[in-house]
């Protein structure tokens, strides 16, 4: 491949995606995925040569500044927690980088660049799907896996990542810290490839579907069902079936219904040896057990995500903008109020000799850890709605309304809206450069003929 400006931009984009998917790893305490997101922005900087882009981008930055004017005033008058300020700055940079990459993709990925990117995606999906499947079995059978040196995603932020389920089926997580993160980043890419390609690659559909299905994600299964409904309507209109996509979805459902218990398959696992009594109960029958989807005890919404829904519903009647840097604080305050009251009454009823203070640190176990830690909202739509208030909802409404009035209502439009909704409901609580790439790529489909790639 001849090295020119276009190929250099493509190479940087490809390399960035590889780094972004290394979510479980850090380099000198810097998450590798952050490095990848930074690289992905670099080609987008060339858009500033375009006068119209500079003007449009200025309007976006000004709009974001006005939305958060009250927060910026607090920073100036020292009313803001400076220990949290650098991380808050990253939130705004993520938002700006999203628009940078989005507009760059719309201008750059045309014709030859578009087809070259699809070729890379095909190779990436093949390779990464096999990596996911290997890591899945490596974690069960104690095979080699690169050291996951990035902190986990729970409230105990400095603890090691968890790759072990004692009484639940093992779940694929690839090079991400959680199975749901793998789904949020990988599924849109796989889907966009199969929508855009003309190849009937059945093997790739099976492999990629298996890798996604092994995550056992209810979030994924819900969106697959929604897309199947869209495909059914499309079939009645055009009498056409995209066989690889149906194979992909079938593979996802088949493998998501197969659950392997690590302590049943590999009782001598180093993690299983730490729970001899539980392992004995699991294997009391002496049989090899594969749990089906109907025996999955995993709720559709776990405790953290159900709390996000409760938090949103409790605040929906008062959506005053709090600024995106203050959303986690508001989320924390919402759930610690009852805990604080509980601790207050406990302290009021304690004998005096138990009120003596010692120089020790409270472990803050269970939900008491919320008193010290700011948990993530884990939902992009809730995060920006609380941060920007009614203005964000109004912006979404006007944007969707504009699409229906300016674009032809066809499969490509519904695909674009589908990708948008998937990102909006994402557990990654804020947009970033990678999502700008995906949504920009999906937006290009709106200019295609309905049956050109479907």
Protein backbone atom coordinates (compact mmCIF):
# COMPACT_ATOMS: atom_id res chain seq x y z
CA UNK A 1 0.00 0.00 0.00
CA UNK A 2 1.49 3.30 -1.12
CA UNK A 3 2.05 5.72 1.75
CA UNK A 4 0.09 8.89 1.08
CA UNK A 5 -2.07 11.15 3.21
CA UNK A 6 -5.20 9.01 2.88
CA UNK A 7 -3.39 5.76 3.67
CA UNK A 8 -1.67 7.40 6.63
CA UNK A 9 -5.02 8.49 8.05
CA UNK A 10 -6.39 4.97 7.54
CA UNK A 11 -3.35 3.44 9.24
CA UNK A 12 -3.75 5.74 12.25
CA UNK A 13 -7.45 4.87 12.44
CA UNK A 14 -6.75 1.13 12.28
CA UNK A 15 -4.03 1.38 14.94
CA UNK A 16 -6.30 3.46 17.16
CA UNK A 17 -9.07 0.85 17.07
CA UNK A 18 -6.62 -1.85 18.13
CA UNK A 19 -5.58 0.23 21.15
CA UNK A 20 -9.16 1.22 22.03
CA UNK A 21 -10.09 -2.45 22.34
CA UNK A 22 -7.28 -2.97 24.88
CA UNK A 23 -9.59 -1.76 27.66
CA UNK A 24 -8.17 -4.15 30.27
CA UNK A 25 -4.64 -2.88 30.05
CA UNK A 26 -2.72 0.22 31.04
CA UNK A 27 0.68 1.59 30.11
CA UNK A 28 2.45 3.35 33.00
CA UNK A 29 -0.93 3.79 34.72
CA UNK A 30 -2.48 5.29 31.56
CA UNK A 31 -5.29 3.12 30.12
CA UNK A 32 -4.28 1.86 26.67
CA UNK A 33 -7.81 2.56 25.41
CA UNK A 34 -7.33 6.25 26.29
CA UNK A 35 -4.16 6.29 24.20
CA UNK A 36 -6.11 4.78 21.30
CA UNK A 37 -8.87 7.40 21.60
CA UNK A 38 -6.21 10.13 21.52
CA UNK A 39 -4.66 8.71 18.34
CA UNK A 40 -8.07 8.47 16.69
CA UNK A 41 -8.51 12.24 17.03
CA UNK A 42 -5.28 13.06 15.17
CA UNK A 43 -6.54 12.65 11.56
CA UNK A 44 -9.64 14.69 12.45
CA UNK A 45 -7.52 17.76 13.17
CA UNK A 46 -7.02 18.16 9.42
CA UNK A 47 -10.69 19.17 9.16
CA UNK A 48 -9.80 22.56 10.63
CA UNK A 49 -8.43 23.49 7.21
CA UNK A 50 -12.04 23.70 6.09
CA UNK A 51 -13.53 27.10 6.92
CA UNK A 52 -17.10 25.76 7.16
CA UNK A 53 -15.99 23.03 9.55
CA UNK A 54 -14.18 25.54 11.78
CA UNK A 55 -17.30 27.68 11.96
CA UNK A 56 -19.60 24.73 12.67
CA UNK A 57 -17.23 23.36 15.30
CA UNK A 58 -17.06 26.77 16.98
CA UNK A 59 -20.86 26.76 17.29
CA UNK A 60 -20.75 23.33 18.94
CA UNK A 61 -18.11 24.39 21.50
CA UNK A 62 -20.04 27.62 22.22
CA UNK A 63 -23.24 25.60 22.68
CA UNK A 64 -21.54 23.26 25.15
CA UNK A 65 -20.07 26.23 27.03
CA UNK A 66 -23.48 27.88 27.42
CA UNK A 67 -24.99 24.63 28.66
CA UNK A 68 -22.38 24.49 31.41
CA UNK A 69 -21.96 28.21 32.09
CA UNK A 70 -23.00 27.85 35.73
CA UNK A 71 -20.41 25.10 36.29
CA UNK A 72 -17.63 27.16 34.74
CA UNK A 73 -18.52 30.11 36.98
CA UNK A 74 -18.22 27.85 40.02
CA UNK A 75 -14.77 26.76 38.86
CA UNK A 76 -13.64 30.38 38.52
CA UNK A 77 -14.86 31.27 42.01
CA UNK A 78 -13.21 28.24 43.62
CA UNK A 79 -16.51 26.54 44.38
CA UNK A 80 -15.51 23.43 42.50
CA UNK A 81 -13.70 20.37 43.77
CA UNK A 82 -10.32 20.70 42.04
CA UNK A 83 -9.39 17.12 42.87
CA UNK A 84 -12.11 16.10 40.40
CA UNK A 85 -11.44 18.80 37.83
CA UNK A 86 -8.90 16.96 35.58
CA UNK A 87 -11.32 14.04 35.16
CA UNK A 88 -14.11 16.51 34.39
CA UNK A 89 -11.97 18.04 31.68
CA UNK A 90 -11.69 14.59 30.09
CA UNK A 91 -15.48 14.44 29.88
CA UNK A 92 -15.58 17.63 27.83
CA UNK A 93 -12.68 16.47 25.68
CA UNK A 94 -14.54 13.21 25.00
CA UNK A 95 -17.59 15.18 23.88
CA UNK A 96 -15.55 17.45 21.61
CA UNK A 97 -13.56 14.52 20.19
CA UNK A 98 -16.84 12.77 19.34
CA UNK A 99 -17.89 15.64 17.05
CA UNK A 100 -14.37 15.99 15.62
CA UNK A 101 -14.20 12.36 14.53
CA UNK A 102 -17.86 12.27 13.44
CA UNK A 103 -17.43 15.12 10.95
CA UNK A 104 -14.08 13.78 9.81
CA UNK A 105 -15.63 10.38 9.00
CA UNK A 106 -18.39 11.99 6.93
CA UNK A 107 -15.80 13.73 4.75
CA UNK A 108 -13.06 11.11 4.64
CA UNK A 109 -14.67 7.67 4.32
CA UNK A 110 -15.87 7.89 0.75
CA UNK A 111 -15.39 5.54 -2.19
CA UNK A 112 -11.94 3.92 -1.91
CA UNK A 113 -11.41 4.90 1.74
CA UNK A 114 -14.80 3.39 2.57
CA UNK A 115 -13.96 0.03 0.96
CA UNK A 116 -10.48 -0.07 2.54
CA UNK A 117 -11.97 0.49 5.95
CA UNK A 118 -14.41 -2.39 5.40
CA UNK A 119 -11.52 -4.66 4.47
CA UNK A 120 -9.81 -3.79 7.74
CA UNK A 121 -13.03 -4.36 9.70
CA UNK A 122 -13.40 -7.80 8.12
CA UNK A 123 -9.89 -8.81 9.16
CA UNK A 124 -10.36 -7.28 12.60
CA UNK A 125 -13.68 -9.07 13.22
CA UNK A 126 -12.14 -12.40 12.20
CA UNK A 127 -9.10 -11.96 14.43
CA UNK A 128 -10.75 -10.36 17.43
CA UNK A 129 -13.61 -12.88 17.51
CA UNK A 130 -11.07 -15.69 17.77
CA UNK A 131 -9.24 -13.78 20.51
CA UNK A 132 -12.50 -13.43 22.47
CA UNK A 133 -13.19 -17.16 22.20
CA UNK A 134 -9.61 -18.04 23.20
CA UNK A 135 -9.65 -15.75 26.26
CA UNK A 136 -13.04 -17.20 27.24
CA UNK A 137 -11.60 -20.73 27.43
CA UNK A 138 -8.24 -19.50 28.76
CA UNK A 139 -9.99 -18.06 31.82
CA UNK A 140 -11.86 -21.32 32.40
CA UNK A 141 -8.90 -23.69 31.94
CA UNK A 142 -6.14 -21.43 33.34
CA UNK A 143 -4.42 -21.02 29.99
CA UNK A 144 -2.14 -18.08 29.26
CA UNK A 145 -3.75 -14.67 29.11
CA UNK A 146 -1.93 -11.31 29.14
CA UNK A 147 -1.93 -9.70 32.58
CA UNK A 148 -4.91 -7.40 33.09
CA UNK A 149 -3.13 -4.53 34.81
CA UNK A 150 -5.88 -1.90 34.74
CA UNK A 151 -8.10 -1.36 37.79
CA UNK A 152 -11.59 -2.81 37.69
CA UNK A 153 -14.86 -0.93 37.21
CA UNK A 154 -16.46 -1.34 40.64
CA UNK A 155 -16.41 1.09 43.55
CA UNK A 156 -13.18 -0.40 44.88
CA UNK A 157 -11.32 1.22 42.03
CA UNK A 158 -7.84 -0.05 42.89
CA UNK A 159 -8.75 -3.72 43.06
CA UNK A 160 -7.98 -6.31 40.40
CA UNK A 161 -10.33 -7.12 37.55
CA UNK A 162 -12.74 -9.97 38.11
CA UNK A 163 -12.71 -12.74 35.51
CA UNK A 164 -14.35 -15.42 37.63
CA UNK A 165 -18.00 -16.37 38.32
CA UNK A 166 -18.35 -18.92 41.11
CA UNK A 167 -21.97 -20.07 40.75
CA UNK A 168 -22.86 -18.43 37.46
CA UNK A 169 -21.90 -19.40 33.89
CA UNK A 170 -18.65 -17.93 32.65
CA UNK A 171 -19.00 -14.93 30.35
CA UNK A 172 -16.77 -13.72 27.52
CA UNK A 173 -15.16 -10.33 28.04
CA UNK A 174 -12.34 -10.35 25.50
CA UNK A 175 -9.83 -7.60 26.21
CA UNK A 176 -12.41 -5.49 28.07
CA UNK A 177 -12.99 -5.22 31.80
CA UNK A 178 -16.64 -6.30 31.63
CA UNK A 179 -18.72 -8.36 29.17
CA UNK A 180 -21.12 -5.44 28.69
CA UNK A 181 -18.24 -3.17 27.63
CA UNK A 182 -17.25 -5.72 25.00
CA UNK A 183 -20.80 -5.69 23.64
CA UNK A 184 -21.02 -1.88 23.66
CA UNK A 185 -17.86 -1.48 21.56
CA UNK A 186 -17.83 -4.61 19.40
CA UNK A 187 -21.43 -5.32 18.38
CA UNK A 188 -21.97 -2.08 16.37
CA UNK A 189 -18.79 -2.72 14.39
CA UNK A 190 -19.78 -6.31 13.58
CA UNK A 191 -23.27 -5.24 12.56
CA UNK A 192 -22.06 -2.37 10.36
CA UNK A 193 -19.71 -4.74 8.56
CA UNK A 194 -22.42 -7.29 7.71
CA UNK A 195 -24.81 -4.55 6.63
CA UNK A 196 -22.22 -3.00 4.29
CA UNK A 197 -20.55 -6.03 2.78
CA UNK A 198 -21.79 -7.88 -0.29
CA UNK A 199 -19.94 -11.06 0.71
CA UNK A 200 -21.86 -14.07 2.01
CA UNK A 201 -19.32 -14.86 4.70
CA UNK A 202 -21.13 -17.50 6.74
CA UNK A 203 -18.08 -18.65 8.72
CA UNK A 204 -17.35 -15.12 9.91
CA UNK A 205 -21.01 -14.74 10.92
CA UNK A 206 -20.81 -17.91 13.05
CA UNK A 207 -17.49 -16.99 14.69
CA UNK A 208 -18.40 -13.38 15.46
CA UNK A 209 -21.87 -14.42 16.64
CA UNK A 210 -20.34 -17.02 18.96
CA UNK A 211 -17.91 -14.49 20.44
CA UNK A 212 -20.73 -12.05 21.14
CA UNK A 213 -23.13 -14.73 22.36
CA UNK A 214 -20.66 -15.97 24.95
CA UNK A 215 -21.02 -12.62 26.74
CA UNK A 216 -24.54 -13.76 27.72
CA UNK A 217 -25.62 -10.12 27.63
CA UNK A 218 -29.35 -9.38 27.96
CA UNK A 219 -28.65 -5.92 26.58
CA UNK A 220 -27.30 -7.52 23.41
CA UNK A 221 -30.18 -9.99 23.08
CA UNK A 222 -32.73 -7.19 23.41
CA UNK A 223 -31.16 -5.19 20.58
CA UNK A 224 -30.77 -8.27 18.39
CA UNK A 225 -34.51 -8.93 18.78
CA UNK A 226 -35.27 -5.33 17.83
CA UNK A 227 -33.14 -5.62 14.70
CA UNK A 228 -34.78 -8.92 13.73
CA UNK A 229 -38.16 -7.13 13.82
CA UNK A 230 -36.75 -4.45 11.52
CA UNK A 231 -35.46 -7.15 9.14
CA UNK A 232 -38.86 -8.86 9.07
CA UNK A 233 -40.56 -5.63 7.98
CA UNK A 234 -37.80 -5.15 5.41
CA UNK A 235 -38.40 -8.65 4.06
CA UNK A 236 -42.13 -8.06 3.55
CA UNK A 237 -41.33 -4.89 1.66
CA UNK A 238 -38.43 -6.11 -0.53
CA UNK A 239 -38.68 -9.93 -0.38
CA UNK A 240 -34.98 -10.17 0.40
CA UNK A 241 -33.15 -12.02 3.20
CA UNK A 242 -29.61 -11.18 4.26
CA UNK A 243 -28.59 -14.72 5.21
CA UNK A 244 -25.25 -13.86 6.96
CA UNK A 245 -27.02 -11.45 9.33
CA UNK A 246 -29.58 -14.10 10.28
CA UNK A 247 -26.73 -16.58 10.84
CA UNK A 248 -24.97 -13.96 12.99
CA UNK A 249 -28.08 -13.44 15.14
CA UNK A 250 -28.81 -17.17 15.36
CA UNK A 251 -25.25 -17.78 16.51
CA UNK A 252 -25.59 -15.05 19.16
CA UNK A 253 -28.74 -16.63 20.60
CA UNK A 254 -27.41 -20.19 20.47
CA UNK A 255 -24.15 -19.42 22.26
CA UNK A 256 -25.75 -17.02 24.74
CA UNK A 257 -28.01 -19.89 25.87
CA UNK A 258 -25.04 -22.16 26.62
CA UNK A 259 -23.52 -21.55 30.04
CA UNK A 260 -20.36 -23.25 31.27
CA UNK A 261 -19.68 -23.28 35.01
CA UNK A 262 -15.93 -22.90 35.49
CA UNK A 263 -15.94 -24.89 38.72
CA UNK A 264 -17.80 -27.72 36.99
CA UNK A 265 -15.69 -27.85 33.84
CA UNK A 266 -12.36 -27.23 35.60
CA UNK A 267 -12.67 -28.05 39.31
CA UNK A 268 -8.93 -27.68 39.81
CA UNK A 269 -8.99 -24.05 38.66
CA UNK A 270 -6.96 -21.80 40.97
CA UNK A 271 -10.06 -19.69 41.71
CA UNK A 272 -12.26 -22.73 42.36
CA UNK A 273 -9.77 -24.13 44.89
CA UNK A 274 -10.53 -21.15 47.12
CA UNK A 275 -14.18 -22.26 47.52
CA UNK A 276 -14.05 -26.03 48.19
CA UNK A 277 -17.49 -26.27 49.82
CA UNK A 278 -19.29 -24.42 47.04
CA UNK A 279 -17.44 -26.39 44.36
CA UNK A 280 -18.48 -29.63 46.06
CA UNK A 281 -22.15 -28.56 45.96
CA UNK A 282 -21.86 -27.57 42.29
CA UNK A 283 -20.46 -30.98 41.40
CA UNK A 284 -22.51 -33.09 43.81
CA UNK A 285 -24.25 -34.87 40.94
CA UNK A 286 -20.95 -35.78 39.31
CA UNK A 287 -22.28 -34.73 35.91
CA UNK A 288 -20.94 -32.28 33.40
CA UNK A 289 -23.37 -29.35 33.49
CA UNK A 290 -24.25 -26.89 30.74
CA UNK A 291 -26.80 -24.34 31.84
CA UNK A 292 -29.30 -23.18 29.26
CA UNK A 293 -30.58 -19.63 28.97
CA UNK A 294 -33.75 -20.60 30.81
CA UNK A 295 -31.66 -21.55 33.85
CA UNK A 296 -29.79 -18.28 33.90
CA UNK A 297 -30.34 -16.54 37.23
CA UNK A 298 -28.93 -13.27 35.92
CA UNK A 299 -31.63 -10.55 36.13
CA UNK A 300 -32.33 -8.41 33.07
CA UNK A 301 -31.09 -5.40 35.05
CA UNK A 302 -28.52 -5.96 37.77
CA UNK A 303 -28.54 -3.86 40.92
CA UNK A 304 -26.27 -1.11 39.60
CA UNK A 305 -28.25 -0.60 36.40
CA UNK A 306 -31.65 -0.83 38.07
CA UNK A 307 -30.45 1.89 40.44
CA UNK A 308 -29.70 4.05 37.40
CA UNK A 309 -33.32 3.64 36.25
CA UNK A 310 -34.61 4.57 39.71
CA UNK A 311 -32.27 7.58 39.81
CA UNK A 312 -33.50 8.79 36.42
CA UNK A 313 -37.20 8.35 37.22
CA UNK A 314 -36.80 10.18 40.53
CA UNK A 315 -35.20 13.16 38.75
CA UNK A 316 -37.27 13.27 35.57
CA UNK A 317 -39.65 15.90 36.96
CA UNK A 318 -36.80 18.27 37.79
CA UNK A 319 -34.25 18.13 34.99
CA UNK A 320 -32.28 21.27 35.72
CA UNK A 321 -28.79 21.11 34.13
CA UNK A 322 -26.16 20.17 36.70
CA UNK A 323 -23.21 19.96 34.30
CA UNK A 324 -21.70 16.69 33.12
CA UNK A 325 -18.90 16.96 35.67
CA UNK A 326 -21.45 16.90 38.51
CA UNK A 327 -23.67 13.99 37.41
CA UNK A 328 -21.79 11.36 39.41
CA UNK A 329 -21.93 13.57 42.53
CA UNK A 330 -25.70 13.95 42.11
CA UNK A 331 -26.01 10.20 41.60
CA UNK A 332 -24.01 9.61 44.78
CA UNK A 333 -26.09 12.10 46.80
CA UNK A 334 -29.30 10.43 45.63
CA UNK A 335 -28.40 7.06 47.15
CA UNK A 336 -26.39 8.08 50.23
CA UNK A 337 -29.19 10.12 51.82
CA UNK A 338 -30.86 7.02 53.30
CA UNK A 339 -27.50 5.58 54.28
CA UNK A 340 -26.54 8.82 56.05
CA UNK A 341 -29.83 8.85 57.96
CA UNK A 342 -29.28 5.23 58.96
CA UNK A 343 -25.79 6.01 60.24
CA UNK A 344 -27.12 9.07 62.09
CA UNK A 345 -29.71 7.08 64.05
CA UNK A 346 -27.22 4.31 64.75
CA UNK A 347 -24.74 6.82 66.16
CA UNK A 348 -27.47 8.46 68.29
CA UNK A 349 -28.29 5.14 69.93
CA UNK A 350 -24.75 3.84 70.46
CA UNK A 351 -23.39 3.61 74.03
CA UNK A 352 -20.90 6.36 74.76
CA UNK A 353 -17.96 3.99 75.03
CA UNK A 354 -18.52 2.94 71.41
CA UNK A 355 -18.30 6.53 70.18
CA UNK A 356 -14.56 6.72 70.84
CA UNK A 357 -12.76 7.53 67.60
CA UNK A 358 -9.59 5.73 66.53
CA UNK A 359 -7.16 6.41 63.70
CA UNK A 360 -8.44 3.71 61.40
CA UNK A 361 -10.23 3.72 58.08
CA UNK A 362 -13.80 2.52 57.64
CA UNK A 363 -13.94 -0.35 55.16
CA UNK A 364 -17.25 1.06 53.84
CA UNK A 365 -18.41 -2.34 52.70
CA UNK A 366 -21.53 -2.90 50.58
CA UNK A 367 -23.47 0.23 49.69
CA UNK A 368 -21.73 2.19 52.45
CA UNK A 369 -18.85 2.55 49.98
CA UNK A 370 -20.99 5.13 48.16
CA UNK A 371 -20.21 7.54 50.99
CA UNK A 372 -16.61 7.75 49.80
CA UNK A 373 -16.78 6.78 46.12
CA UNK A 374 -18.57 8.36 43.17
CA UNK A 375 -20.11 5.54 41.10
CA UNK A 376 -20.59 5.78 37.35
CA UNK A 377 -24.11 6.26 36.04
CA UNK A 378 -23.51 3.50 33.44
CA UNK A 379 -26.00 4.87 30.94
CA UNK A 380 -25.17 7.45 28.30
CA UNK A 381 -28.72 8.75 27.89
CA UNK A 382 -29.26 9.22 31.63
CA UNK A 383 -25.82 10.79 32.04
CA UNK A 384 -26.35 13.54 29.45
CA UNK A 385 -30.01 14.08 30.36
CA UNK A 386 -29.11 14.77 33.99
CA UNK A 387 -26.05 16.78 32.95
CA UNK A 388 -27.68 18.98 30.29
CA UNK A 389 -31.30 18.77 31.45
CA UNK A 390 -34.31 19.34 29.22
CA UNK A 391 -32.08 20.95 26.58
CA UNK A 392 -30.55 17.57 25.77
CA UNK A 393 -33.98 15.98 25.34
CA UNK A 394 -35.06 18.89 23.15
CA UNK A 395 -31.91 18.53 21.05
CA UNK A 396 -32.56 14.81 20.50
CA UNK A 397 -36.19 15.43 19.60
CA UNK A 398 -35.32 18.13 17.04
CA UNK A 399 -32.52 16.00 15.58
CA UNK A 400 -34.76 12.96 15.10
CA UNK A 401 -37.53 15.16 13.72
CA UNK A 402 -35.08 16.66 11.22
CA UNK A 403 -34.04 13.17 10.08
CA UNK A 404 -37.62 12.11 9.37
CA UNK A 405 -38.34 15.28 7.40
CA UNK A 406 -35.07 15.50 5.44
CA UNK A 407 -34.22 11.83 4.84
CA UNK A 408 -36.09 9.14 2.97
CA UNK A 409 -37.81 6.77 5.36
CA UNK A 410 -36.20 3.45 4.49
CA UNK A 411 -34.10 0.67 5.97
CA UNK A 412 -30.95 2.79 6.08
CA UNK A 413 -32.68 5.44 8.19
CA UNK A 414 -33.92 2.85 10.66
CA UNK A 415 -30.44 1.31 10.79
CA UNK A 416 -28.94 4.71 11.63
CA UNK A 417 -31.56 5.31 14.33
CA UNK A 418 -30.92 1.79 15.63
CA UNK A 419 -27.18 2.47 16.01
CA UNK A 420 -27.94 5.82 17.65
CA UNK A 421 -30.31 4.24 20.16
CA UNK A 422 -27.77 1.49 20.92
CA UNK A 423 -25.17 4.15 21.73
CA UNK A 424 -27.64 6.22 23.75
CA UNK A 425 -28.50 3.23 25.94
CA UNK A 426 -24.85 2.23 26.20
CA UNK A 427 -23.32 1.49 29.63
CA UNK A 428 -20.39 3.65 28.49
CA UNK A 429 -21.79 6.77 30.09
CA UNK A 430 -20.35 9.31 27.67
CA UNK A 431 -19.64 9.58 23.95
CA UNK A 432 -16.05 9.42 22.72
CA UNK A 433 -14.03 9.45 19.52
CA UNK A 434 -14.77 5.77 18.81
CA UNK A 435 -18.52 6.34 18.95
CA UNK A 436 -17.99 9.30 16.63
CA UNK A 437 -16.37 6.87 14.18
CA UNK A 438 -19.24 4.36 14.39
CA UNK A 439 -22.07 6.88 14.15
CA UNK A 440 -20.32 8.75 11.33
CA UNK A 441 -19.88 5.50 9.44
CA UNK A 442 -23.56 4.65 10.00
CA UNK A 443 -24.56 8.14 8.83
CA UNK A 444 -22.86 7.50 5.48
CA UNK A 445 -25.42 4.75 4.90
CA UNK A 446 -28.14 7.39 4.68
CA UNK A 447 -26.67 8.54 1.37
CA UNK A 448 -26.67 5.00 -0.03
CA UNK A 449 -29.48 3.39 -1.94
CA UNK A 450 -31.61 1.15 0.22
CA UNK A 451 -30.56 -2.11 -1.47
CA UNK A 452 -27.01 -1.08 -2.34
CA UNK A 453 -25.40 -2.86 0.63
CA UNK A 454 -28.28 -4.57 2.40
